[in-house]
Amino acid sequence: MKIGIDLGGSHIGIGLVDENGNILEKKEKYFDNYNISEIEKTIEEFISEQVIQMSLAYRIEFIGIAIPGTVSENKIIKAVNLGIENYDLATQLKEVLHIDVKLKNDAKCAALAEQKYGELSQYDNSVFLCIGTGVGSAVFMDGKLLEPKGLPGFEISHTIIQKNGLLCNCGKRGCFETYASIKRFKEKLSKEFNIHSIDGEVIRDFIRKNENNPRLKYLLNNYIEDLSIGISNIINIFEPEAICIGGSFAEYEDILYEPLKQALLKGNLLFNKRNDIIIKYAKLKNDAGIIGATLI
C-alpha cells in the first residue's frame, strides 16, 4: 500500500492507494490561509493524523506528494501559487512519520495516473495539461514521461504568448498560464458581469443562460484564442497523438471543447495541418494527483 497526497493552494487530499491504483480510503481538508507558516502547520497536523491512523492498519511503502511547483532532488524549489521556496518537506515529514516521502510536480503526478489508468493509457505520445489556478503540463514520448536531468523542465505554462503581457506569479509577463488559467477566467467573468461567485456551477449556469450576450461571446472567444495559441505551440513541438486536459477546465467541457478544437483546426496555428485533434478530458478528475503521487 502507498499513500498519495495532492497538495493545492487551498486543499489537501490524502488517499490510501492499492497496487492497482484504487483509492481505498480518502480524506480531504480545505483551508483559506495561503501564509507559508499556516500551510506548514496544516500539512504537518493533517498528514500526521491521517498517516499514523492508516499505518496502524496497513504496511505503507512510502508517501508520495503531488506539489504544485518545481521539485528537484526531492525538494520544493518553488511553488509560486503557494508562496513556497526552497522547502524540504520530504525530510521534515520523514523525521516525524518515519516513512519515506517522495515529491513530484502535481501535473506530472496527474499525468502519470492518466497514462497508467486513465484517458492516455492507449497512447505512446501524448501531452497532459492541468488547467486550473495555473497550467501544469507533462509530455510522454514512446510511453515514457520526458524529464531532463536536474530541474524538471517542460514548463509549458511559462512560455510567453504575449510580449509585455500580463504579469505572471512567476515574475515574467505574458505567460501562457496567465491567459489560460480557468480561475482567472472565472474571476474576469465574475467582475465583468457582477456575478456573486466564481463557483464553477454558478459560472457555467451564467454562460449557458447568456450565450447570446455580445460581451460574453467576446470574452469567451478571447479566452479560446489565447488558449489555442498556447496549445498549438505544444502541438507544433511534440505532435502528440492525443492531449488530455485535467483540472477545473474539464468542468467546462460542454462549453469550451468544440470552440477550442475548431480554433486549432481552422485557425492558422498548426505547422502540420490536421483533419482532427484528439482532445480527452481527465478520467480520474480530482483523484489523479493522489493516485499519480503513488507512481513516483
Protein backbone atom coordinates (compact mmCIF):
# COMPACT_ATOMS: atom_id res chain seq x y z
CA MET A 1 0.00 0.00 0.00
CA LYS A 2 1.04 3.59 -0.63
CA ILE A 3 -0.27 6.94 0.49
CA GLY A 4 -0.82 9.63 -2.13
CA ILE A 5 -1.21 13.29 -1.21
CA ASP A 6 -2.37 16.07 -3.51
CA LEU A 7 -1.34 19.46 -2.15
CA GLY A 8 -3.09 22.55 -3.52
CA GLY A 9 -3.32 26.19 -2.64
CA SER A 10 -6.48 25.72 -0.61
CA HIS A 11 -6.95 21.96 -0.46
CA ILE A 12 -5.17 18.83 0.72
CA GLY A 13 -6.34 15.40 -0.45
CA ILE A 14 -4.85 12.21 1.02
CA GLY A 15 -5.59 8.66 -0.01
CA LEU A 16 -4.58 5.10 0.68
CA VAL A 17 -3.91 3.55 -2.75
CA ASP A 18 -3.51 -0.12 -3.62
CA GLU A 19 -1.25 -1.68 -6.28
CA ASN A 20 -3.99 -1.30 -8.93
CA GLY A 21 -4.45 2.43 -8.44
CA ASN A 22 -7.64 2.13 -6.41
CA ILE A 23 -8.19 4.61 -3.58
CA LEU A 24 -9.31 2.57 -0.58
CA GLU A 25 -9.61 5.46 1.87
CA LYS A 26 -9.62 9.20 1.27
CA LYS A 27 -9.63 12.30 3.44
CA GLU A 28 -9.82 15.93 2.31
CA LYS A 29 -9.38 19.26 4.01
CA TYR A 30 -9.83 22.83 2.80
CA PHE A 31 -8.17 25.95 4.20
CA ASP A 32 -8.17 29.64 3.31
CA ASN A 33 -4.82 30.93 4.57
CA TYR A 34 -2.04 30.98 1.97
CA ASN A 35 0.61 32.09 4.51
CA ILE A 36 3.54 29.66 4.37
CA SER A 37 3.62 29.09 8.14
CA GLU A 38 -0.10 28.26 8.13
CA ILE A 39 0.41 25.89 5.19
CA GLU A 40 3.27 24.14 7.01
CA LYS A 41 1.20 23.75 10.16
CA THR A 42 -1.80 22.41 8.26
CA ILE A 43 0.30 19.92 6.29
CA GLU A 44 2.08 18.57 9.36
CA GLU A 45 -1.01 18.24 11.54
CA PHE A 46 -3.28 16.83 8.86
CA ILE A 47 -0.81 14.37 7.38
CA SER A 48 0.48 13.25 10.78
CA GLU A 49 -3.02 12.38 11.96
CA GLN A 50 -4.09 10.55 8.82
CA VAL A 51 -0.82 8.74 8.11
CA ILE A 52 -0.47 7.46 11.65
CA GLN A 53 -4.04 6.16 11.58
CA MET A 54 -3.51 4.43 8.24
CA SER A 55 -0.14 2.99 9.23
CA LEU A 56 -1.74 1.16 12.17
CA ALA A 57 -3.88 -0.87 9.77
CA TYR A 58 -1.63 -1.16 6.67
CA ARG A 59 2.02 -1.53 5.79
CA ILE A 60 2.82 1.71 3.99
CA GLU A 61 5.62 1.53 1.38
CA PHE A 62 6.02 5.29 1.02
CA ILE A 63 4.19 8.59 0.89
CA GLY A 64 4.04 10.37 -2.47
CA ILE A 65 3.14 14.05 -2.58
CA ALA A 66 1.98 15.98 -5.65
CA ILE A 67 3.35 19.53 -5.42
CA PRO A 68 2.05 22.50 -7.48
CA GLY A 69 5.50 23.81 -8.32
CA THR A 70 9.10 22.97 -9.19
CA VAL A 71 10.57 19.91 -7.49
CA SER A 72 14.23 18.89 -7.75
CA GLU A 73 16.13 16.22 -5.81
CA ASN A 74 13.02 15.59 -3.74
CA LYS A 75 12.83 19.20 -2.54
CA ILE A 76 10.40 22.01 -3.37
CA ILE A 77 12.42 24.62 -5.26
CA LYS A 78 9.45 26.93 -5.65
CA ALA A 79 5.69 26.81 -5.74
CA VAL A 80 4.69 30.33 -6.77
CA ASN A 81 0.96 29.89 -6.22
CA LEU A 82 1.66 28.72 -2.66
CA GLY A 83 4.39 31.24 -1.89
CA ILE A 84 6.89 28.46 -1.10
CA GLU A 85 10.60 28.44 -1.99
CA ASN A 86 13.41 26.03 -1.09
CA TYR A 87 11.28 23.95 1.26
CA ASP A 88 12.46 20.45 2.28
CA LEU A 89 9.05 18.98 3.03
CA ALA A 90 10.13 15.36 2.46
CA THR A 91 12.84 15.38 5.14
CA GLN A 92 10.63 17.20 7.60
CA LEU A 93 7.79 14.70 7.24
CA LYS A 94 10.06 11.64 7.29
CA GLU A 95 11.51 12.76 10.62
CA VAL A 96 8.01 12.99 12.09
CA LEU A 97 6.37 9.96 10.43
CA HIS A 98 9.34 7.59 9.91
CA ILE A 99 8.11 6.75 6.42
CA ASP A 100 9.89 7.54 3.13
CA VAL A 101 8.45 10.58 1.37
CA LYS A 102 8.73 11.32 -2.36
CA LEU A 103 7.77 14.56 -4.10
CA LYS A 104 6.87 15.37 -7.69
CA ASN A 105 5.17 18.17 -9.58
CA ASP A 106 1.37 17.78 -9.35
CA ALA A 107 0.75 17.90 -13.09
CA LYS A 108 3.38 15.21 -13.65
CA CYS A 109 1.68 13.08 -10.98
CA ALA A 110 -1.77 13.51 -12.52
CA ALA A 111 -0.30 12.74 -15.95
CA LEU A 112 1.27 9.51 -14.69
CA ALA A 113 -2.12 8.45 -13.31
CA GLU A 114 -3.95 9.24 -16.56
CA GLN A 115 -1.28 7.47 -18.60
CA LYS A 116 -1.43 4.31 -16.49
CA TYR A 117 -5.10 4.15 -15.54
CA GLY A 118 -6.96 6.85 -17.47
CA GLU A 119 -7.53 8.50 -20.84
CA LEU A 120 -3.91 8.37 -22.06
CA SER A 121 -3.38 4.66 -21.46
CA GLN A 122 -3.74 3.78 -25.16
CA TYR A 123 -1.31 6.41 -26.48
CA ASP A 124 2.50 6.34 -26.63
CA ASN A 125 2.97 10.02 -27.49
CA SER A 126 0.75 12.41 -25.59
CA VAL A 127 0.53 15.64 -23.63
CA PHE A 128 -1.27 16.22 -20.35
CA LEU A 129 -2.42 19.70 -19.32
CA CYS A 130 -3.84 20.54 -15.91
CA ILE A 131 -5.67 23.86 -16.31
CA GLY A 132 -6.96 25.37 -13.10
CA THR A 133 -5.37 28.05 -10.92
CA GLY A 134 -2.37 27.74 -13.21
CA VAL A 135 -1.36 25.40 -16.01
CA GLY A 136 0.62 22.25 -15.27
CA SER A 137 1.94 20.05 -18.03
CA ALA A 138 3.61 16.75 -18.85
CA VAL A 139 4.81 15.14 -22.07
CA PHE A 140 5.05 11.43 -22.91
CA MET A 141 7.16 10.07 -25.76
CA ASP A 142 7.30 6.33 -26.52
CA GLY A 143 5.26 5.78 -23.37
CA LYS A 144 7.78 7.49 -21.09
CA LEU A 145 7.46 10.76 -19.20
CA LEU A 146 10.01 13.22 -20.56
CA GLU A 147 12.19 14.56 -17.76
CA PRO A 148 15.53 16.33 -18.20
CA LYS A 149 18.30 15.95 -15.64
CA GLY A 150 18.32 18.49 -12.84
CA LEU A 151 15.26 20.71 -12.83
CA PRO A 152 12.12 19.02 -14.24
CA GLY A 153 11.61 21.40 -17.18
CA PHE A 154 8.73 21.32 -19.65
CA GLU A 155 7.25 24.45 -18.05
CA ILE A 156 4.81 24.95 -20.88
CA SER A 157 2.78 27.18 -18.58
CA HIS A 158 5.55 29.77 -18.55
CA THR A 159 6.13 30.01 -22.27
CA ILE A 160 5.30 33.56 -23.38
CA ILE A 161 2.33 34.09 -25.70
CA GLN A 162 2.00 37.87 -25.26
CA LYS A 163 5.01 40.21 -25.42
CA ASN A 164 4.92 42.61 -22.43
CA GLY A 165 1.66 40.96 -21.40
CA LEU A 166 0.02 40.45 -18.02
CA LEU A 167 2.27 39.92 -15.02
CA CYS A 168 2.52 36.25 -14.00
CA ASN A 169 3.06 35.00 -10.46
CA CYS A 170 6.47 33.79 -11.63
CA GLY A 171 7.57 37.39 -12.25
CA LYS A 172 7.55 37.24 -16.05
CA ARG A 173 4.99 38.85 -18.33
CA GLY A 174 2.75 37.26 -20.92
CA CYS A 175 2.99 33.65 -19.70
CA PHE A 176 0.57 31.10 -21.17
CA GLU A 177 -0.58 30.27 -17.64
CA THR A 178 -1.73 33.83 -17.02
CA TYR A 179 -4.06 33.76 -20.02
CA ALA A 180 -5.16 30.11 -19.83
CA SER A 181 -5.90 29.95 -16.08
CA ILE A 182 -9.53 28.93 -15.62
CA LYS A 183 -9.51 30.63 -12.22
CA ARG A 184 -8.53 33.96 -13.77
CA PHE A 185 -11.13 33.43 -16.49
CA LYS A 186 -13.87 32.89 -13.89
CA GLU A 187 -12.74 35.93 -11.90
CA LYS A 188 -12.87 38.05 -15.03
CA LEU A 189 -16.43 36.97 -15.82
CA SER A 190 -17.48 37.48 -12.21
CA LYS A 191 -16.13 41.04 -12.18
CA GLU A 192 -17.39 41.93 -15.65
CA PHE A 193 -20.97 40.79 -15.03
CA ASN A 194 -21.20 41.25 -11.25
CA ILE A 195 -21.64 37.54 -10.65
CA HIS A 196 -21.73 36.89 -6.90
CA SER A 197 -19.42 33.86 -7.02
CA ILE A 198 -16.68 32.19 -9.04
CA ASP A 199 -18.04 28.75 -8.18
CA GLY A 200 -17.83 26.52 -11.24
CA GLU A 201 -21.53 25.70 -11.39
CA VAL A 202 -22.54 29.34 -10.96
CA ILE A 203 -20.27 30.45 -13.80
CA ARG A 204 -21.42 27.60 -16.06
CA ASP A 205 -25.09 28.46 -15.46
CA PHE A 206 -24.43 32.10 -16.27
CA ILE A 207 -22.68 31.23 -19.54
CA ARG A 208 -25.47 28.87 -20.63
CA LYS A 209 -28.20 31.41 -19.85
CA ASN A 210 -26.38 34.31 -21.55
CA GLU A 211 -24.77 32.61 -24.53
CA ASN A 212 -26.04 35.29 -26.92
CA ASN A 213 -24.65 38.20 -24.90
CA PRO A 214 -22.15 40.01 -27.23
CA ARG A 215 -19.75 40.92 -24.43
CA LEU A 216 -19.75 37.36 -23.08
CA LYS A 217 -19.12 36.00 -26.58
CA TYR A 218 -16.17 38.34 -26.92
CA LEU A 219 -14.61 37.26 -23.62
CA LEU A 220 -15.14 33.58 -24.41
CA ASN A 221 -13.60 33.96 -27.87
CA ASN A 222 -10.69 35.88 -26.39
CA TYR A 223 -10.03 33.13 -23.87
CA ILE A 224 -10.25 30.41 -26.52
CA GLU A 225 -7.88 32.36 -28.77
CA ASP A 226 -5.23 32.64 -26.05
CA LEU A 227 -5.68 29.00 -25.07
CA SER A 228 -5.42 27.77 -28.65
CA ILE A 229 -2.19 29.73 -29.22
CA GLY A 230 -0.56 28.06 -26.24
CA ILE A 231 -1.79 24.59 -27.15
CA SER A 232 -0.81 24.99 -30.81
CA ASN A 233 2.76 25.67 -29.69
CA ILE A 234 2.69 22.38 -27.81
CA ILE A 235 1.31 20.50 -30.82
CA ASN A 236 3.88 22.06 -33.18
CA ILE A 237 6.74 20.97 -30.93
CA PHE A 238 5.64 17.49 -29.86
CA GLU A 239 2.98 16.39 -32.41
CA PRO A 240 1.16 14.28 -29.79
CA GLU A 241 -1.34 11.59 -30.67
CA ALA A 242 -3.67 12.98 -28.02
CA ILE A 243 -3.96 15.80 -25.50
CA CYS A 244 -5.61 15.19 -22.14
CA ILE A 245 -6.91 18.14 -20.14
CA GLY A 246 -7.50 17.95 -16.40
CA GLY A 247 -8.10 20.48 -13.65
CA SER A 248 -11.18 22.66 -13.32
CA PHE A 249 -11.10 23.38 -17.08
CA ALA A 250 -12.68 19.95 -17.57
CA GLU A 251 -15.81 21.22 -15.81
CA TYR A 252 -16.47 23.39 -18.89
CA GLU A 253 -16.14 20.62 -21.46
CA ASP A 254 -19.60 21.23 -22.93
CA ILE A 255 -18.87 24.96 -23.34
CA LEU A 256 -15.21 25.13 -24.34
CA TYR A 257 -14.39 21.82 -26.06
CA GLU A 258 -15.78 22.45 -29.54
CA PRO A 259 -14.66 26.12 -29.82
CA LEU A 260 -11.13 25.11 -28.75
CA LYS A 261 -10.98 22.25 -31.23
CA GLN A 262 -12.23 24.43 -34.09
CA ALA A 263 -9.78 27.20 -33.23
CA LEU A 264 -6.92 24.71 -33.50
CA LEU A 265 -8.14 23.04 -36.69
CA LYS A 266 -9.36 26.08 -38.63
CA GLY A 267 -7.05 28.79 -37.33
CA ASN A 268 -3.69 29.37 -38.96
CA LEU A 269 -1.86 27.92 -35.94
CA LEU A 270 -0.60 24.43 -36.78
CA PHE A 271 2.51 23.84 -38.89
CA ASN A 272 1.35 20.35 -39.87
CA LYS A 273 -2.33 20.65 -40.74
CA ARG A 274 -4.65 18.01 -39.33
CA ASN A 275 -8.16 16.80 -40.07
CA ASP A 276 -8.74 16.05 -36.41
CA ILE A 277 -7.23 16.56 -32.98
CA ILE A 278 -7.84 14.11 -30.18
CA ILE A 279 -8.62 16.06 -27.00
CA LYS A 280 -9.53 13.99 -23.97
CA TYR A 281 -10.74 15.08 -20.55
CA ALA A 282 -9.16 13.54 -17.47
CA LYS A 283 -10.94 10.36 -16.43
CA LEU A 284 -9.61 10.36 -12.86
CA LYS A 285 -10.55 14.01 -12.22
CA ASN A 286 -9.59 15.22 -8.73
CA ASP A 287 -8.21 11.81 -7.74
CA ALA A 288 -5.48 11.92 -10.39
CA GLY A 289 -2.99 13.77 -8.18
CA ILE A 290 -3.44 11.35 -5.27
CA ILE A 291 -3.13 8.26 -7.47
CA GLY A 292 -0.24 9.67 -9.50
CA ALA A 293 1.70 10.56 -6.36
CA THR A 294 1.94 6.83 -5.63
CA LEU A 295 3.51 6.24 -9.06
CA ILE A 296 6.57 8.42 -8.43
